[in-house]
């Protein structure tokens, strides 16, 4: 059998351990070409531009 703690940990000790577990919102920047919000240092999924140049050709979906 594994060992068990001799005393209960206090709620303050538990909460300090969980202080870094909170979710953080994604850091988004605006695309210079189309103005769509995207992740920094990535190609824009909407228009395919990165740092002012077209890197990938984005095909539009037909309905």
PDB file of N, CA and C in Angstrom:
ATOM      1  N   UNK A   1       0.834  -1.183   0.000  1.00  0.00           N
ATOM      2  CA  UNK A   1       0.000   0.000   0.000  1.00  0.00           C
ATOM      3  C   UNK A   1       0.879   1.247   0.000  1.00  0.00           C
ATOM      4  N   UNK A   2       0.479   2.271  -0.779  1.00  0.00           N
ATOM      5  CA  UNK A   2       1.277   3.504  -0.814  1.00  0.00           C
ATOM      6  C   UNK A   2       1.110   4.286   0.479  1.00  0.00           C
ATOM      7  N   UNK A   3       2.096   5.110   0.811  1.00  0.00           N
ATOM      8  CA  UNK A   3       1.975   5.915   2.042  1.00  0.00           C
ATOM      9  C   UNK A   3       0.945   7.026   1.872  1.00  0.00           C
ATOM     10  N   UNK A   4       0.337   7.399   2.982  1.00  0.00           N
ATOM     11  CA  UNK A   4      -0.670   8.453   2.994  1.00  0.00           C
ATOM     12  C   UNK A   4      -0.167   9.628   3.821  1.00  0.00           C
ATOM     13  N   UNK A   5      -0.646  10.853   3.515  1.00  0.00           N
ATOM     14  CA  UNK A   5      -0.213  11.989   4.332  1.00  0.00           C
ATOM     15  C   UNK A   5      -0.713  11.858   5.768  1.00  0.00           C
ATOM     16  N   UNK A   6       0.129  12.301   6.687  1.00  0.00           N
ATOM     17  CA  UNK A   6      -0.226  12.204   8.099  1.00  0.00           C
ATOM     18  C   UNK A   6      -1.280  13.239   8.489  1.00  0.00           C
ATOM     19  N   UNK A   7      -1.205  14.431   7.873  1.00  0.00           N
ATOM     20  CA  UNK A   7      -2.145  15.507   8.152  1.00  0.00           C
ATOM     21  C   UNK A   7      -2.728  16.046   6.846  1.00  0.00           C
ATOM     22  N   UNK A   8      -3.935  16.597   6.954  1.00  0.00           N
ATOM     23  CA  UNK A   8      -4.590  17.183   5.783  1.00  0.00           C
ATOM     24  C   UNK A   8      -3.882  18.475   5.384  1.00  0.00           C
ATOM     25  N   UNK A   9      -3.659  18.666   4.078  1.00  0.00           N
ATOM     26  CA  UNK A   9      -3.082  19.921   3.585  1.00  0.00           C
ATOM     27  C   UNK A   9      -4.123  21.025   3.704  1.00  0.00           C
ATOM     28  N   UNK A  10      -3.693  22.205   4.069  1.00  0.00           N
ATOM     29  CA  UNK A  10      -4.621  23.324   4.225  1.00  0.00           C
ATOM     30  C   UNK A  10      -5.111  23.805   2.857  1.00  0.00           C
ATOM     31  N   UNK A  11      -6.242  24.509   2.876  1.00  0.00           N
ATOM     32  CA  UNK A  11      -6.796  25.015   1.619  1.00  0.00           C
ATOM     33  C   UNK A  11      -5.864  26.057   1.004  1.00  0.00           C
ATOM     34  N   UNK A  12      -5.165  26.835   1.811  1.00  0.00           N
ATOM     35  CA  UNK A  12      -4.209  27.819   1.284  1.00  0.00           C
ATOM     36  C   UNK A  12      -3.065  27.151   0.548  1.00  0.00           C
ATOM     37  N   UNK A  13      -2.575  26.056   1.084  1.00  0.00           N
ATOM     38  CA  UNK A  13      -1.489  25.322   0.428  1.00  0.00           C
ATOM     39  C   UNK A  13      -1.967  24.712  -0.886  1.00  0.00           C
ATOM     40  N   UNK A  14      -3.190  24.188  -0.858  1.00  0.00           N
ATOM     41  CA  UNK A  14      -3.777  23.615  -2.068  1.00  0.00           C
ATOM     42  C   UNK A  14      -3.965  24.693  -3.134  1.00  0.00           C
ATOM     43  N   UNK A  15      -4.473  25.861  -2.731  1.00  0.00           N
ATOM     44  CA  UNK A  15      -4.737  26.935  -3.686  1.00  0.00           C
ATOM     45  C   UNK A  15      -3.455  27.524  -4.262  1.00  0.00           C
ATOM     46  N   UNK A  16      -2.390  27.590  -3.468  1.00  0.00           N
ATOM     47  CA  UNK A  16      -1.105  28.075  -3.992  1.00  0.00           C
ATOM     48  C   UNK A  16      -0.545  27.124  -5.030  1.00  0.00           C
ATOM     49  N   UNK A  17      -0.777  25.856  -4.850  1.00  0.00           N
ATOM     50  CA  UNK A  17      -0.327  24.871  -5.834  1.00  0.00           C
ATOM     51  C   UNK A  17      -1.095  25.033  -7.148  1.00  0.00           C
ATOM     52  N   UNK A  18      -2.353  25.392  -7.051  1.00  0.00           N
ATOM     53  CA  UNK A  18      -3.207  25.525  -8.235  1.00  0.00           C
ATOM     54  C   UNK A  18      -3.184  26.924  -8.842  1.00  0.00           C
ATOM     55  N   UNK A  19      -2.306  27.790  -8.359  1.00  0.00           N
ATOM     56  CA  UNK A  19      -2.271  29.174  -8.812  1.00  0.00           C
ATOM     57  C   UNK A  19      -1.934  29.299 -10.295  1.00  0.00           C
ATOM     58  N   UNK A  20      -1.194  28.347 -10.856  1.00  0.00           N
ATOM     59  CA  UNK A  20      -0.756  28.421 -12.249  1.00  0.00           C
ATOM     60  C   UNK A  20      -1.649  27.615 -13.186  1.00  0.00           C
ATOM     61  N   UNK A  21      -2.743  27.066 -12.694  1.00  0.00           N
ATOM     62  CA  UNK A  21      -3.612  26.204 -13.499  1.00  0.00           C
ATOM     63  C   UNK A  21      -4.692  26.961 -14.270  1.00  0.00           C
ATOM     64  N   UNK A  22      -4.802  28.264 -14.096  1.00  0.00           N
ATOM     65  CA  UNK A  22      -5.854  29.032 -14.759  1.00  0.00           C
ATOM     66  C   UNK A  22      -5.610  29.091 -16.261  1.00  0.00           C
ATOM     67  N   UNK A  23      -6.674  29.103 -17.037  1.00  0.00           N
ATOM     68  CA  UNK A  23      -6.574  29.191 -18.486  1.00  0.00           C
ATOM     69  C   UNK A  23      -6.250  30.625 -18.896  1.00  0.00           C
ATOM     70  N   UNK A  24      -5.425  30.759 -19.917  1.00  0.00           N
ATOM     71  CA  UNK A  24      -5.087  32.070 -20.445  1.00  0.00           C
ATOM     72  C   UNK A  24      -5.671  32.218 -21.846  1.00  0.00           C
ATOM     73  N   UNK A  25      -6.101  33.406 -22.185  1.00  0.00           N
ATOM     74  CA  UNK A  25      -6.662  33.640 -23.514  1.00  0.00           C
ATOM     75  C   UNK A  25      -5.541  33.675 -24.547  1.00  0.00           C
ATOM     76  N   UNK A  26      -5.857  33.283 -25.755  1.00  0.00           N
ATOM     77  CA  UNK A  26      -4.873  33.261 -26.840  1.00  0.00           C
ATOM     78  C   UNK A  26      -4.493  34.682 -27.232  1.00  0.00           C
ATOM     79  N   UNK A  27      -3.230  34.906 -27.516  1.00  0.00           N
ATOM     80  CA  UNK A  27      -2.745  36.216 -27.943  1.00  0.00           C
ATOM     81  C   UNK A  27      -2.973  36.335 -29.446  1.00  0.00           C
ATOM     82  N   UNK A  28      -3.931  37.157 -29.840  1.00  0.00           N
ATOM     83  CA  UNK A  28      -4.267  37.310 -31.249  1.00  0.00           C
ATOM     84  C   UNK A  28      -3.801  38.665 -31.765  1.00  0.00           C
ATOM     85  N   UNK A  29      -3.392  38.681 -33.033  1.00  0.00           N
ATOM     86  CA  UNK A  29      -3.009  39.926 -33.695  1.00  0.00           C
ATOM     87  C   UNK A  29      -3.838  40.050 -34.968  1.00  0.00           C
ATOM     88  N   UNK A  30      -3.907  41.256 -35.494  1.00  0.00           N
ATOM     89  CA  UNK A  30      -4.700  41.509 -36.695  1.00  0.00           C
ATOM     90  C   UNK A  30      -3.840  41.289 -37.939  1.00  0.00           C
ATOM     91  N   UNK A  31      -4.374  40.603 -38.939  1.00  0.00           N
ATOM     92  CA  UNK A  31      -3.681  40.370 -40.202  1.00  0.00           C
ATOM     93  C   UNK A  31      -3.512  41.704 -40.929  1.00  0.00           C
ATOM     94  N   UNK A  32      -2.311  41.936 -41.449  1.00  0.00           N
ATOM     95  CA  UNK A  32      -2.042  43.191 -42.151  1.00  0.00           C
ATOM     96  C   UNK A  32      -2.779  43.281 -43.479  1.00  0.00           C
ATOM     97  N   UNK A  33      -3.075  42.145 -44.074  1.00  0.00           N
ATOM     98  CA  UNK A  33      -3.703  42.128 -45.394  1.00  0.00           C
ATOM     99  C   UNK A  33      -5.227  42.207 -45.319  1.00  0.00           C
ATOM    100  N   UNK A  34      -5.844  41.289 -44.570  1.00  0.00           N
ATOM    101  CA  UNK A  34      -7.308  41.222 -44.573  1.00  0.00           C
ATOM    102  C   UNK A  34      -7.946  41.727 -43.284  1.00  0.00           C
ATOM    103  N   UNK A  35      -7.173  41.912 -42.227  1.00  0.00           N
ATOM    104  CA  UNK A  35      -7.723  42.416 -40.974  1.00  0.00           C
ATOM    105  C   UNK A  35      -8.312  41.347 -40.076  1.00  0.00           C
ATOM    106  N   UNK A  36      -8.231  40.099 -40.476  1.00  0.00           N
ATOM    107  CA  UNK A  36      -8.753  38.987 -39.676  1.00  0.00           C
ATOM    108  C   UNK A  36      -7.816  38.729 -38.491  1.00  0.00           C
ATOM    109  N   UNK A  37      -8.382  38.313 -37.355  1.00  0.00           N
ATOM    110  CA  UNK A  37      -7.568  37.996 -36.189  1.00  0.00           C
ATOM    111  C   UNK A  37      -6.915  36.623 -36.379  1.00  0.00           C
ATOM    112  N   UNK A  38      -5.614  36.540 -36.051  1.00  0.00           N
ATOM    113  CA  UNK A  38      -4.866  35.295 -36.216  1.00  0.00           C
ATOM    114  C   UNK A  38      -3.819  35.195 -35.117  1.00  0.00           C
ATOM    115  N   UNK A  39      -3.207  34.032 -34.974  1.00  0.00           N
ATOM    116  CA  UNK A  39      -2.131  33.839 -34.019  1.00  0.00           C
ATOM    117  C   UNK A  39      -0.866  34.522 -34.527  1.00  0.00           C
ATOM    118  N   UNK A  40      -0.032  35.074 -33.648  1.00  0.00           N
ATOM    119  CA  UNK A  40       1.193  35.727 -34.105  1.00  0.00           C
ATOM    120  C   UNK A  40       2.192  34.711 -34.664  1.00  0.00           C
ATOM    121  N   UNK A  41       3.007  35.134 -35.598  1.00  0.00           N
ATOM    122  CA  UNK A  41       4.053  34.326 -36.232  1.00  0.00           C
ATOM    123  C   UNK A  41       3.481  33.131 -36.989  1.00  0.00           C
ATOM    124  N   UNK A  42       2.277  33.269 -37.516  1.00  0.00           N
ATOM    125  CA  UNK A  42       1.670  32.209 -38.312  1.00  0.00           C
ATOM    126  C   UNK A  42       1.051  32.805 -39.572  1.00  0.00           C
ATOM    127  N   UNK A  43       0.854  31.969 -40.565  1.00  0.00           N
ATOM    128  CA  UNK A  43       0.206  32.389 -41.803  1.00  0.00           C
ATOM    129  C   UNK A  43      -1.276  32.598 -41.521  1.00  0.00           C
ATOM    130  N   UNK A  44      -1.832  33.633 -42.102  1.00  0.00           N
ATOM    131  CA  UNK A  44      -3.255  33.924 -41.923  1.00  0.00           C
ATOM    132  C   UNK A  44      -4.070  32.814 -42.597  1.00  0.00           C
ATOM    133  N   UNK A  45      -4.969  32.154 -41.867  1.00  0.00           N
ATOM    134  CA  UNK A  45      -5.758  31.078 -42.477  1.00  0.00           C
ATOM    135  C   UNK A  45      -6.806  31.597 -43.453  1.00  0.00           C
ATOM    136  N   UNK A  46      -7.149  32.880 -43.356  1.00  0.00           N
ATOM    137  CA  UNK A  46      -8.187  33.449 -44.206  1.00  0.00           C
ATOM    138  C   UNK A  46      -7.661  33.832 -45.590  1.00  0.00           C
ATOM    139  N   UNK A  47      -6.478  34.508 -45.629  1.00  0.00           N
ATOM    140  CA  UNK A  47      -5.984  35.011 -46.915  1.00  0.00           C
ATOM    141  C   UNK A  47      -4.648  34.395 -47.335  1.00  0.00           C
ATOM    142  N   UNK A  48      -3.945  33.701 -46.427  1.00  0.00           N
ATOM    143  CA  UNK A  48      -2.699  33.032 -46.789  1.00  0.00           C
ATOM    144  C   UNK A  48      -1.482  33.933 -46.816  1.00  0.00           C
ATOM    145  N   UNK A  49      -1.556  35.131 -46.249  1.00  0.00           N
ATOM    146  CA  UNK A  49      -0.429  36.059 -46.238  1.00  0.00           C
ATOM    147  C   UNK A  49       0.349  35.945 -44.933  1.00  0.00           C
ATOM    148  N   UNK A  50       1.652  36.212 -45.010  1.00  0.00           N
ATOM    149  CA  UNK A  50       2.512  36.273 -43.834  1.00  0.00           C
ATOM    150  C   UNK A  50       3.555  37.351 -44.065  1.00  0.00           C
ATOM    151  N   UNK A  51       3.601  38.335 -43.191  1.00  0.00           N
ATOM    152  CA  UNK A  51       4.529  39.460 -43.268  1.00  0.00           C
ATOM    153  C   UNK A  51       4.470  40.182 -44.611  1.00  0.00           C
ATOM    154  N   UNK A  52       3.260  40.381 -45.121  1.00  0.00           N
ATOM    155  CA  UNK A  52       3.055  41.147 -46.343  1.00  0.00           C
ATOM    156  C   UNK A  52       3.212  40.374 -47.633  1.00  0.00           C
ATOM    157  N   UNK A  53       3.496  39.080 -47.565  1.00  0.00           N
ATOM    158  CA  UNK A  53       3.659  38.267 -48.771  1.00  0.00           C
ATOM    159  C   UNK A  53       2.671  37.116 -48.744  1.00  0.00           C
ATOM    160  N   UNK A  54       2.212  36.730 -49.950  1.00  0.00           N
ATOM    161  CA  UNK A  54       1.310  35.582 -50.040  1.00  0.00           C
ATOM    162  C   UNK A  54       2.149  34.314 -49.980  1.00  0.00           C
ATOM    163  N   UNK A  55       1.947  33.529 -48.936  1.00  0.00           N
ATOM    164  CA  UNK A  55       2.744  32.327 -48.724  1.00  0.00           C
ATOM    165  C   UNK A  55       2.027  31.102 -49.267  1.00  0.00           C
ATOM    166  N   UNK A  56       0.740  31.009 -48.994  1.00  0.00           N
ATOM    167  CA  UNK A  56      -0.050  29.886 -49.503  1.00  0.00           C
ATOM    168  C   UNK A  56      -1.263  30.443 -50.237  1.00  0.00           C
ATOM    169  N   UNK A  57      -1.719  29.678 -51.204  1.00  0.00           N
ATOM    170  CA  UNK A  57      -2.911  30.076 -51.957  1.00  0.00           C
ATOM    171  C   UNK A  57      -4.118  29.448 -51.296  1.00  0.00           C
ATOM    172  N   UNK A  58      -5.050  30.275 -50.860  1.00  0.00           N
ATOM    173  CA  UNK A  58      -6.238  29.809 -50.179  1.00  0.00           C
ATOM    174  C   UNK A  58      -7.365  29.685 -51.206  1.00  0.00           C
ATOM    175  N   UNK A  59      -7.930  28.490 -51.297  1.00  0.00           N
ATOM    176  CA  UNK A  59      -9.037  28.259 -52.205  1.00  0.00           C
ATOM    177  C   UNK A  59     -10.349  28.522 -51.488  1.00  0.00           C
ATOM    178  N   UNK A  60     -11.260  29.234 -52.116  1.00  0.00           N
ATOM    179  CA  UNK A  60     -12.552  29.517 -51.532  1.00  0.00           C
ATOM    180  C   UNK A  60     -13.474  28.314 -51.711  1.00  0.00           C
ATOM    181  N   UNK A  61     -14.271  28.052 -50.685  1.00  0.00           N
ATOM    182  CA  UNK A  61     -15.215  26.941 -50.746  1.00  0.00           C
ATOM    183  C   UNK A  61     -16.439  27.345 -51.581  1.00  0.00           C
ATOM    184  N   UNK A  62     -16.876  26.436 -52.456  1.00  0.00           N
ATOM    185  CA  UNK A  62     -18.061  26.692 -53.265  1.00  0.00           C
ATOM    186  C   UNK A  62     -19.277  26.101 -52.565  1.00  0.00           C
ATOM    187  N   UNK A  63     -20.378  26.875 -52.552  1.00  0.00           N
ATOM    188  CA  UNK A  63     -21.590  26.406 -51.884  1.00  0.00           C
ATOM    189  C   UNK A  63     -22.595  25.912 -52.886  1.00  0.00           C
TER     190      UNK A  63
END
